[in-house]
Each structure stands twice: as structure tokens, then as C-alpha cells.
């Protein structure tokens, strides 16, 4: 059987991601993996995460990538920095406060504009959402207060609170990351009575009970693989 996996916020923890892909889910080329965004920031090797995902794509694996708010931060900081000589832009300062400094360190650069354009282009090619037969995959969620939530790209990356309106999703559940959720609640959300499944377990949390793992959700079997963060060991 071909497996379809959903993996949320990786945040620069490349060794944990590699172990999940190669040892826990044992990804095959007939499988598909959907990433929910936030590949960068907070962890030690954001560049390594993108390099690894690129290598999967270039090797013929079925990989689809959604854009998270941290990629949005990086893209906008990079674009703003093209126009500056000395001073940091407000968006760059905000990005740095939210983990961007570690991303710059992983690229070995001091300014956003020094990040290779190929990486920015890769981020720009990521999708805002992915629609499957039973699910809508998105980084943060959807703004159901608008007539068409699929036109609000910013909310897909940034929204924190929403109530699913299945009349606007074609009856489909929403799978998202973005806001870290304790593991027992994530298990609860798998229940069919819920309109959404939250998968971000806060991989960057250390010594916080119920958090600190990278998850992989099998869409077809409803199995969740839990991989503790080995980059922090």
C-alpha cells in the first residue's frame, strides 16, 4: 500500500527529520509526504532541512510543501533587505526575534539578502494549501469569516484561532500545524467528531511534558508516528 504522510513544523531540526523519514516511516518513492510548513527558524540547521527536502524532491520522491509563517517572515525579510544598505528593516528585526537569527547562522550569513536566491525561490514555490479527497492541508488554518477562505493567503500562514465551517471545505477536515499542541490533545483530535487535526507538537520545546516531538500522520491508517527531538540530545 502506498502511504501518505503529513509532517508539520520541522523548525530547523534536520537530524530529527532525517530519522523520521528514513527510519520511522521508511519513505518509499511510491509514498507521498506532505509538509505543513515552518521548515526554518528556532532549530540549529534550517538550511540543512531545506537541503534535505530538496534532495528528496530531486531524487524523485513525492514531496509537496506548504508555506508556513516562518517562510513568509524569511521571504519578506530577504526582499526588504535588498533595498537597504546599513539598517535592518522592521520585518527583519521581527523575524530575528522569532528564530530568524538561527536561520541566518545556518546559512553562514549576517543579512537576509545574503541567503542564496535558490532557497528563497524554493520557499516562494511552496503552496498555501493542498486539497485532498477528505482533507484540506494548510499551515495555520483558514479564515472562515470570509466568503471564500481559500483566497486569504495570509490567514493560511498566520491565523491562530478558527472554527471550521464544513460548508466551505466541501465537508472536509482541516489538518494544520503552526500552534504547538500537547500530545494527548493531538490524539484526541484524530477522532472523527472533530473538524480539524492539529499536528504541531512544538519540536523545539525541551523538558516540557507532552511536547518536543516531530510527528508524522498517516492519512489513510490514522496512525501518528512520534519522534522525539534527537537534535537536542
C-alpha atoms as a PDB file:
ATOM      1  CA  UNK A   1       0.000   0.000   0.000  1.00  0.00           C
ATOM      2  CA  UNK A   2       1.219   3.487  -0.833  1.00  0.00           C
ATOM      3  CA  UNK A   3       1.444   5.602   2.303  1.00  0.00           C
ATOM      4  CA  UNK A   4       0.542   9.270   2.548  1.00  0.00           C
ATOM      5  CA  UNK A   5       2.234  11.109   5.393  1.00  0.00           C
ATOM      6  CA  UNK A   6       1.692  14.602   6.792  1.00  0.00           C
ATOM      7  CA  UNK A   7       4.602  16.163   8.684  1.00  0.00           C
ATOM      8  CA  UNK A   8       4.203  19.529  10.436  1.00  0.00           C
ATOM      9  CA  UNK A   9       6.638  22.176  11.687  1.00  0.00           C
ATOM     10  CA  UNK A  10      10.273  20.970  11.488  1.00  0.00           C
ATOM     11  CA  UNK A  11      11.906  24.270  12.545  1.00  0.00           C
ATOM     12  CA  UNK A  12      15.489  23.516  11.598  1.00  0.00           C
ATOM     13  CA  UNK A  13      15.883  20.167  13.376  1.00  0.00           C
ATOM     14  CA  UNK A  14      17.301  18.279  10.436  1.00  0.00           C
ATOM     15  CA  UNK A  15      18.586  15.148  12.193  1.00  0.00           C
ATOM     16  CA  UNK A  16      15.167  14.521  13.718  1.00  0.00           C
ATOM     17  CA  UNK A  17      13.572  14.945  10.293  1.00  0.00           C
ATOM     18  CA  UNK A  18      16.035  12.578   8.628  1.00  0.00           C
ATOM     19  CA  UNK A  19      15.475   9.929  11.261  1.00  0.00           C
ATOM     20  CA  UNK A  20      11.701  10.274  10.890  1.00  0.00           C
ATOM     21  CA  UNK A  21      11.874   9.932   7.098  1.00  0.00           C
ATOM     22  CA  UNK A  22      14.483   7.198   6.846  1.00  0.00           C
ATOM     23  CA  UNK A  23      13.968   5.088   9.971  1.00  0.00           C
ATOM     24  CA  UNK A  24      10.478   5.682  11.346  1.00  0.00           C
ATOM     25  CA  UNK A  25       8.223   5.987   8.294  1.00  0.00           C
ATOM     26  CA  UNK A  26      10.785   4.478   5.866  1.00  0.00           C
ATOM     27  CA  UNK A  27       9.645   6.665   2.979  1.00  0.00           C
ATOM     28  CA  UNK A  28       9.358   4.901  -0.381  1.00  0.00           C
ATOM     29  CA  UNK A  29       9.151   6.543  -3.782  1.00  0.00           C
ATOM     30  CA  UNK A  30       5.589   5.333  -4.218  1.00  0.00           C
ATOM     31  CA  UNK A  31       4.620   7.107  -0.989  1.00  0.00           C
ATOM     32  CA  UNK A  32       3.740  10.796  -0.652  1.00  0.00           C
ATOM     33  CA  UNK A  33       4.808  13.163   2.098  1.00  0.00           C
ATOM     34  CA  UNK A  34       3.063  16.476   2.683  1.00  0.00           C
ATOM     35  CA  UNK A  35       4.968  19.068   4.720  1.00  0.00           C
ATOM     36  CA  UNK A  36       2.887  21.681   6.535  1.00  0.00           C
ATOM     37  CA  UNK A  37       5.497  24.463   6.556  1.00  0.00           C
ATOM     38  CA  UNK A  38       7.837  26.114   9.070  1.00  0.00           C
ATOM     39  CA  UNK A  39      10.956  24.342   7.856  1.00  0.00           C
ATOM     40  CA  UNK A  40      13.157  27.083   9.293  1.00  0.00           C
ATOM     41  CA  UNK A  41      13.900  29.121  12.457  1.00  0.00           C
ATOM     42  CA  UNK A  42      14.408  28.123  16.108  1.00  0.00           C
ATOM     43  CA  UNK A  43      16.437  24.965  15.428  1.00  0.00           C
ATOM     44  CA  UNK A  44      20.157  24.666  14.593  1.00  0.00           C
ATOM     45  CA  UNK A  45      20.095  23.836  10.864  1.00  0.00           C
ATOM     46  CA  UNK A  46      17.341  25.441   8.816  1.00  0.00           C
ATOM     47  CA  UNK A  47      19.491  25.325   5.685  1.00  0.00           C
ATOM     48  CA  UNK A  48      20.028  21.610   6.258  1.00  0.00           C
ATOM     49  CA  UNK A  49      16.282  20.998   6.459  1.00  0.00           C
ATOM     50  CA  UNK A  50      15.666  22.713   3.129  1.00  0.00           C
ATOM     51  CA  UNK A  51      18.652  20.960   1.555  1.00  0.00           C
ATOM     52  CA  UNK A  52      17.306  17.608   2.725  1.00  0.00           C
ATOM     53  CA  UNK A  53      13.786  18.228   1.413  1.00  0.00           C
ATOM     54  CA  UNK A  54      15.248  19.459  -1.882  1.00  0.00           C
ATOM     55  CA  UNK A  55      17.302  16.258  -2.098  1.00  0.00           C
ATOM     56  CA  UNK A  56      14.156  14.167  -1.661  1.00  0.00           C
ATOM     57  CA  UNK A  57      12.426  16.115  -4.424  1.00  0.00           C
ATOM     58  CA  UNK A  58      15.448  15.864  -6.734  1.00  0.00           C
ATOM     59  CA  UNK A  59      15.680  12.111  -6.080  1.00  0.00           C
ATOM     60  CA  UNK A  60      12.148  11.515  -7.329  1.00  0.00           C
ATOM     61  CA  UNK A  61      10.213  11.242  -4.059  1.00  0.00           C
ATOM     62  CA  UNK A  62       6.644  12.516  -3.985  1.00  0.00           C
ATOM     63  CA  UNK A  63       7.003  15.601  -1.797  1.00  0.00           C
ATOM     64  CA  UNK A  64       4.639  18.553  -1.553  1.00  0.00           C
ATOM     65  CA  UNK A  65       5.428  21.553   0.604  1.00  0.00           C
ATOM     66  CA  UNK A  66       3.136  24.130   2.164  1.00  0.00           C
ATOM     67  CA  UNK A  67       4.354  27.589   3.174  1.00  0.00           C
ATOM     68  CA  UNK A  68       4.462  28.469   6.861  1.00  0.00           C
ATOM     69  CA  UNK A  69       4.587  31.849   8.551  1.00  0.00           C
ATOM     70  CA  UNK A  70       8.326  31.467   9.172  1.00  0.00           C
ATOM     71  CA  UNK A  71       8.979  31.118   5.435  1.00  0.00           C
ATOM     72  CA  UNK A  72       6.780  34.184   4.973  1.00  0.00           C
ATOM     73  CA  UNK A  73       8.967  36.014   7.506  1.00  0.00           C
ATOM     74  CA  UNK A  74      12.142  34.986   5.683  1.00  0.00           C
ATOM     75  CA  UNK A  75      10.903  35.887   2.195  1.00  0.00           C
ATOM     76  CA  UNK A  76       9.729  39.329   3.287  1.00  0.00           C
ATOM     77  CA  UNK A  77      12.932  39.996   5.274  1.00  0.00           C
ATOM     78  CA  UNK A  78      15.018  38.964   2.242  1.00  0.00           C
ATOM     79  CA  UNK A  79      13.029  41.217  -0.089  1.00  0.00           C
ATOM     80  CA  UNK A  80      13.137  44.187   2.304  1.00  0.00           C
ATOM     81  CA  UNK A  81      16.888  43.788   2.813  1.00  0.00           C
ATOM     82  CA  UNK A  82      17.560  44.118  -0.926  1.00  0.00           C
ATOM     83  CA  UNK A  83      16.666  47.811  -0.607  1.00  0.00           C
ATOM     84  CA  UNK A  84      18.805  48.608   2.443  1.00  0.00           C
ATOM     85  CA  UNK A  85      22.484  49.333   2.928  1.00  0.00           C
ATOM     86  CA  UNK A  86      23.016  49.730   6.661  1.00  0.00           C
ATOM     87  CA  UNK A  87      19.902  49.440   8.756  1.00  0.00           C
ATOM     88  CA  UNK A  88      17.752  46.385   9.377  1.00  0.00           C
ATOM     89  CA  UNK A  89      14.145  46.519   8.203  1.00  0.00           C
ATOM     90  CA  UNK A  90      11.309  46.222  10.743  1.00  0.00           C
ATOM     91  CA  UNK A  91      10.318  42.832   9.309  1.00  0.00           C
ATOM     92  CA  UNK A  92      13.893  41.573   9.662  1.00  0.00           C
ATOM     93  CA  UNK A  93      14.000  42.670  13.304  1.00  0.00           C
ATOM     94  CA  UNK A  94      10.703  40.883  13.954  1.00  0.00           C
ATOM     95  CA  UNK A  95      11.894  37.767  12.150  1.00  0.00           C
ATOM     96  CA  UNK A  96      15.125  37.658  14.152  1.00  0.00           C
ATOM     97  CA  UNK A  97      13.150  37.791  17.410  1.00  0.00           C
ATOM     98  CA  UNK A  98      11.227  34.710  16.281  1.00  0.00           C
ATOM     99  CA  UNK A  99      14.135  32.460  15.373  1.00  0.00           C
ATOM    100  CA  UNK A 100      15.456  34.100  12.228  1.00  0.00           C
ATOM    101  CA  UNK A 101      18.930  34.658  13.672  1.00  0.00           C
ATOM    102  CA  UNK A 102      19.465  30.894  13.883  1.00  0.00           C
ATOM    103  CA  UNK A 103      18.412  30.564  10.244  1.00  0.00           C
ATOM    104  CA  UNK A 104      20.953  33.194   9.200  1.00  0.00           C
ATOM    105  CA  UNK A 105      23.601  31.355  11.232  1.00  0.00           C
ATOM    106  CA  UNK A 106      22.793  28.073   9.475  1.00  0.00           C
ATOM    107  CA  UNK A 107      23.430  29.769   6.127  1.00  0.00           C
ATOM    108  CA  UNK A 108      26.623  31.338   7.459  1.00  0.00           C
ATOM    109  CA  UNK A 109      25.426  34.874   6.663  1.00  0.00           C
ATOM    110  CA  UNK A 110      24.779  38.109   8.536  1.00  0.00           C
ATOM    111  CA  UNK A 111      22.000  39.632   6.450  1.00  0.00           C
ATOM    112  CA  UNK A 112      18.844  38.140   4.878  1.00  0.00           C
ATOM    113  CA  UNK A 113      19.863  39.326   1.406  1.00  0.00           C
ATOM    114  CA  UNK A 114      22.916  37.050   1.604  1.00  0.00           C
ATOM    115  CA  UNK A 115      20.736  33.916   1.660  1.00  0.00           C
ATOM    116  CA  UNK A 116      21.058  32.254  -1.750  1.00  0.00           C
ATOM    117  CA  UNK A 117      18.250  33.172  -4.127  1.00  0.00           C
ATOM    118  CA  UNK A 118      17.683  29.475  -4.897  1.00  0.00           C
ATOM    119  CA  UNK A 119      16.462  28.981  -1.328  1.00  0.00           C
ATOM    120  CA  UNK A 120      14.152  31.977  -1.484  1.00  0.00           C
ATOM    121  CA  UNK A 121      12.810  30.777  -4.843  1.00  0.00           C
ATOM    122  CA  UNK A 122      12.157  27.351  -3.289  1.00  0.00           C
ATOM    123  CA  UNK A 123      10.183  28.968  -0.465  1.00  0.00           C
ATOM    124  CA  UNK A 124       8.196  31.038  -2.957  1.00  0.00           C
ATOM    125  CA  UNK A 125       7.193  27.874  -4.835  1.00  0.00           C
ATOM    126  CA  UNK A 126       5.613  26.320  -1.740  1.00  0.00           C
ATOM    127  CA  UNK A 127       1.829  26.006  -1.705  1.00  0.00           C
ATOM    128  CA  UNK A 128      -0.601  27.868   0.545  1.00  0.00           C
ATOM    129  CA  UNK A 129      -2.851  24.823   0.916  1.00  0.00           C
ATOM    130  CA  UNK A 130      -3.398  21.360  -0.524  1.00  0.00           C
ATOM    131  CA  UNK A 131      -6.829  19.847  -1.076  1.00  0.00           C
ATOM    132  CA  UNK A 132      -7.233  16.068  -0.918  1.00  0.00           C
ATOM    133  CA  UNK A 133     -10.379  13.952  -1.189  1.00  0.00           C
ATOM    134  CA  UNK A 134     -11.054  14.036   2.580  1.00  0.00           C
ATOM    135  CA  UNK A 135      -8.793  16.755   3.943  1.00  0.00           C
ATOM    136  CA  UNK A 136      -7.594  20.318   3.495  1.00  0.00           C
ATOM    137  CA  UNK A 137      -3.915  20.646   4.421  1.00  0.00           C
ATOM    138  CA  UNK A 138      -2.703  24.081   5.491  1.00  0.00           C
ATOM    139  CA  UNK A 139      -0.039  25.522   7.773  1.00  0.00           C
ATOM    140  CA  UNK A 140      -2.033  27.607  10.248  1.00  0.00           C
ATOM    141  CA  UNK A 141      -5.716  27.322   9.336  1.00  0.00           C
ATOM    142  CA  UNK A 142      -8.407  29.085   7.345  1.00  0.00           C
ATOM    143  CA  UNK A 143     -10.365  32.289   7.857  1.00  0.00           C
ATOM    144  CA  UNK A 144     -13.949  31.072   7.808  1.00  0.00           C
ATOM    145  CA  UNK A 145     -15.244  34.584   8.461  1.00  0.00           C
ATOM    146  CA  UNK A 146     -14.698  35.360   4.778  1.00  0.00           C
ATOM    147  CA  UNK A 147     -16.893  34.137   1.954  1.00  0.00           C
ATOM    148  CA  UNK A 148     -14.016  32.226   0.386  1.00  0.00           C
ATOM    149  CA  UNK A 149     -11.352  31.224   2.934  1.00  0.00           C
ATOM    150  CA  UNK A 150      -9.117  29.907   0.146  1.00  0.00           C
ATOM    151  CA  UNK A 151      -8.480  33.465  -1.064  1.00  0.00           C
ATOM    152  CA  UNK A 152      -6.979  34.608   2.259  1.00  0.00           C
ATOM    153  CA  UNK A 153      -3.364  33.506   1.900  1.00  0.00           C
ATOM    154  CA  UNK A 154      -2.137  35.398   4.950  1.00  0.00           C
ATOM    155  CA  UNK A 155      -4.563  33.598   7.264  1.00  0.00           C
ATOM    156  CA  UNK A 156      -3.408  30.256   5.883  1.00  0.00           C
ATOM    157  CA  UNK A 157       0.062  31.076   7.217  1.00  0.00           C
ATOM    158  CA  UNK A 158      -0.724  33.109  10.328  1.00  0.00           C
ATOM    159  CA  UNK A 159      -4.192  32.542  11.796  1.00  0.00           C
ATOM    160  CA  UNK A 160      -4.256  31.125  15.331  1.00  0.00           C
ATOM    161  CA  UNK A 161      -7.945  30.669  16.129  1.00  0.00           C
ATOM    162  CA  UNK A 162     -10.643  29.460  13.760  1.00  0.00           C
ATOM    163  CA  UNK A 163     -13.780  27.346  13.754  1.00  0.00           C
ATOM    164  CA  UNK A 164     -14.155  25.056  10.764  1.00  0.00           C
ATOM    165  CA  UNK A 165     -17.189  25.630   8.566  1.00  0.00           C
ATOM    166  CA  UNK A 166     -17.516  22.388   6.609  1.00  0.00           C
ATOM    167  CA  UNK A 167     -19.893  24.051   4.180  1.00  0.00           C
ATOM    168  CA  UNK A 168     -16.828  25.982   2.980  1.00  0.00           C
ATOM    169  CA  UNK A 169     -14.469  22.993   2.892  1.00  0.00           C
ATOM    170  CA  UNK A 170     -16.756  20.671   0.962  1.00  0.00           C
ATOM    171  CA  UNK A 171     -17.248  18.642   4.127  1.00  0.00           C
ATOM    172  CA  UNK A 172     -13.508  18.046   4.524  1.00  0.00           C
ATOM    173  CA  UNK A 173     -11.464  18.140   7.714  1.00  0.00           C
ATOM    174  CA  UNK A 174      -8.623  20.613   8.118  1.00  0.00           C
ATOM    175  CA  UNK A 175      -5.142  19.332   9.025  1.00  0.00           C
ATOM    176  CA  UNK A 176      -2.756  22.035  10.213  1.00  0.00           C
ATOM    177  CA  UNK A 177       0.285  22.850  12.334  1.00  0.00           C
ATOM    178  CA  UNK A 178       1.527  26.288  13.484  1.00  0.00           C
ATOM    179  CA  UNK A 179       0.400  26.329  17.131  1.00  0.00           C
ATOM    180  CA  UNK A 180       2.056  23.726  19.403  1.00  0.00           C
ATOM    181  CA  UNK A 181      -0.455  21.346  20.986  1.00  0.00           C
ATOM    182  CA  UNK A 182       0.076  18.838  23.802  1.00  0.00           C
ATOM    183  CA  UNK A 183       0.293  15.218  22.635  1.00  0.00           C
ATOM    184  CA  UNK A 184      -2.830  13.928  24.413  1.00  0.00           C
ATOM    185  CA  UNK A 185      -4.920  16.585  22.648  1.00  0.00           C
ATOM    186  CA  UNK A 186      -3.450  15.686  19.269  1.00  0.00           C
ATOM    187  CA  UNK A 187      -4.509  12.068  19.837  1.00  0.00           C
ATOM    188  CA  UNK A 188      -7.994  13.316  20.710  1.00  0.00           C
ATOM    189  CA  UNK A 189      -8.266  15.408  17.544  1.00  0.00           C
ATOM    190  CA  UNK A 190      -7.935  12.260  15.407  1.00  0.00           C
ATOM    191  CA  UNK A 191     -11.474  11.392  16.485  1.00  0.00           C
ATOM    192  CA  UNK A 192     -13.944  11.664  13.620  1.00  0.00           C
ATOM    193  CA  UNK A 193     -16.162  14.040  15.572  1.00  0.00           C
ATOM    194  CA  UNK A 194     -13.600  16.831  15.234  1.00  0.00           C
ATOM    195  CA  UNK A 195     -13.438  19.099  12.182  1.00  0.00           C
ATOM    196  CA  UNK A 196      -9.670  19.515  12.377  1.00  0.00           C
ATOM    197  CA  UNK A 197      -6.444  17.762  13.328  1.00  0.00           C
ATOM    198  CA  UNK A 198      -3.619  19.810  14.881  1.00  0.00           C
ATOM    199  CA  UNK A 199      -0.210  18.203  14.377  1.00  0.00           C
ATOM    200  CA  UNK A 200       2.363  20.667  15.724  1.00  0.00           C
ATOM    201  CA  UNK A 201       3.794  19.235  18.961  1.00  0.00           C
ATOM    202  CA  UNK A 202       6.360  22.001  19.441  1.00  0.00           C
ATOM    203  CA  UNK A 203       9.516  20.187  18.347  1.00  0.00           C
ATOM    204  CA  UNK A 204      11.675  22.990  19.770  1.00  0.00           C
ATOM    205  CA  UNK A 205      10.371  22.578  23.333  1.00  0.00           C
ATOM    206  CA  UNK A 206      12.769  20.784  25.656  1.00  0.00           C
ATOM    207  CA  UNK A 207      11.859  19.398  29.069  1.00  0.00           C
ATOM    208  CA  UNK A 208       8.184  20.297  28.621  1.00  0.00           C
ATOM    209  CA  UNK A 209       5.946  17.317  29.254  1.00  0.00           C
ATOM    210  CA  UNK A 210       3.712  16.388  26.333  1.00  0.00           C
ATOM    211  CA  UNK A 211       5.739  18.426  23.824  1.00  0.00           C
ATOM    212  CA  UNK A 212       9.035  18.307  21.957  1.00  0.00           C
ATOM    213  CA  UNK A 213       8.341  15.741  19.210  1.00  0.00           C
ATOM    214  CA  UNK A 214       8.162  15.684  15.434  1.00  0.00           C
ATOM    215  CA  UNK A 215       5.014  13.914  14.234  1.00  0.00           C
ATOM    216  CA  UNK A 216       4.068  12.107  11.052  1.00  0.00           C
ATOM    217  CA  UNK A 217       0.376  11.405  10.436  1.00  0.00           C
ATOM    218  CA  UNK A 218      -0.691   8.631   8.060  1.00  0.00           C
ATOM    219  CA  UNK A 219      -3.781   9.959   6.308  1.00  0.00           C
ATOM    220  CA  UNK A 220      -5.086   6.514   5.397  1.00  0.00           C
ATOM    221  CA  UNK A 221      -4.451   4.492   8.568  1.00  0.00           C
ATOM    222  CA  UNK A 222      -4.790   7.459  11.012  1.00  0.00           C
ATOM    223  CA  UNK A 223      -1.547   6.343  12.667  1.00  0.00           C
ATOM    224  CA  UNK A 224       0.646   9.008  14.264  1.00  0.00           C
ATOM    225  CA  UNK A 225       4.396   8.349  14.446  1.00  0.00           C
ATOM    226  CA  UNK A 226       6.026  10.235  17.328  1.00  0.00           C
ATOM    227  CA  UNK A 227       9.722  11.026  17.007  1.00  0.00           C
ATOM    228  CA  UNK A 228      11.424  12.796  19.948  1.00  0.00           C
ATOM    229  CA  UNK A 229      13.827  15.588  19.050  1.00  0.00           C
ATOM    230  CA  UNK A 230      17.254  13.982  18.720  1.00  0.00           C
ATOM    231  CA  UNK A 231      18.948  17.285  17.774  1.00  0.00           C
ATOM    232  CA  UNK A 232      18.616  18.435  21.380  1.00  0.00           C
ATOM    233  CA  UNK A 233      20.242  15.342  22.886  1.00  0.00           C
END
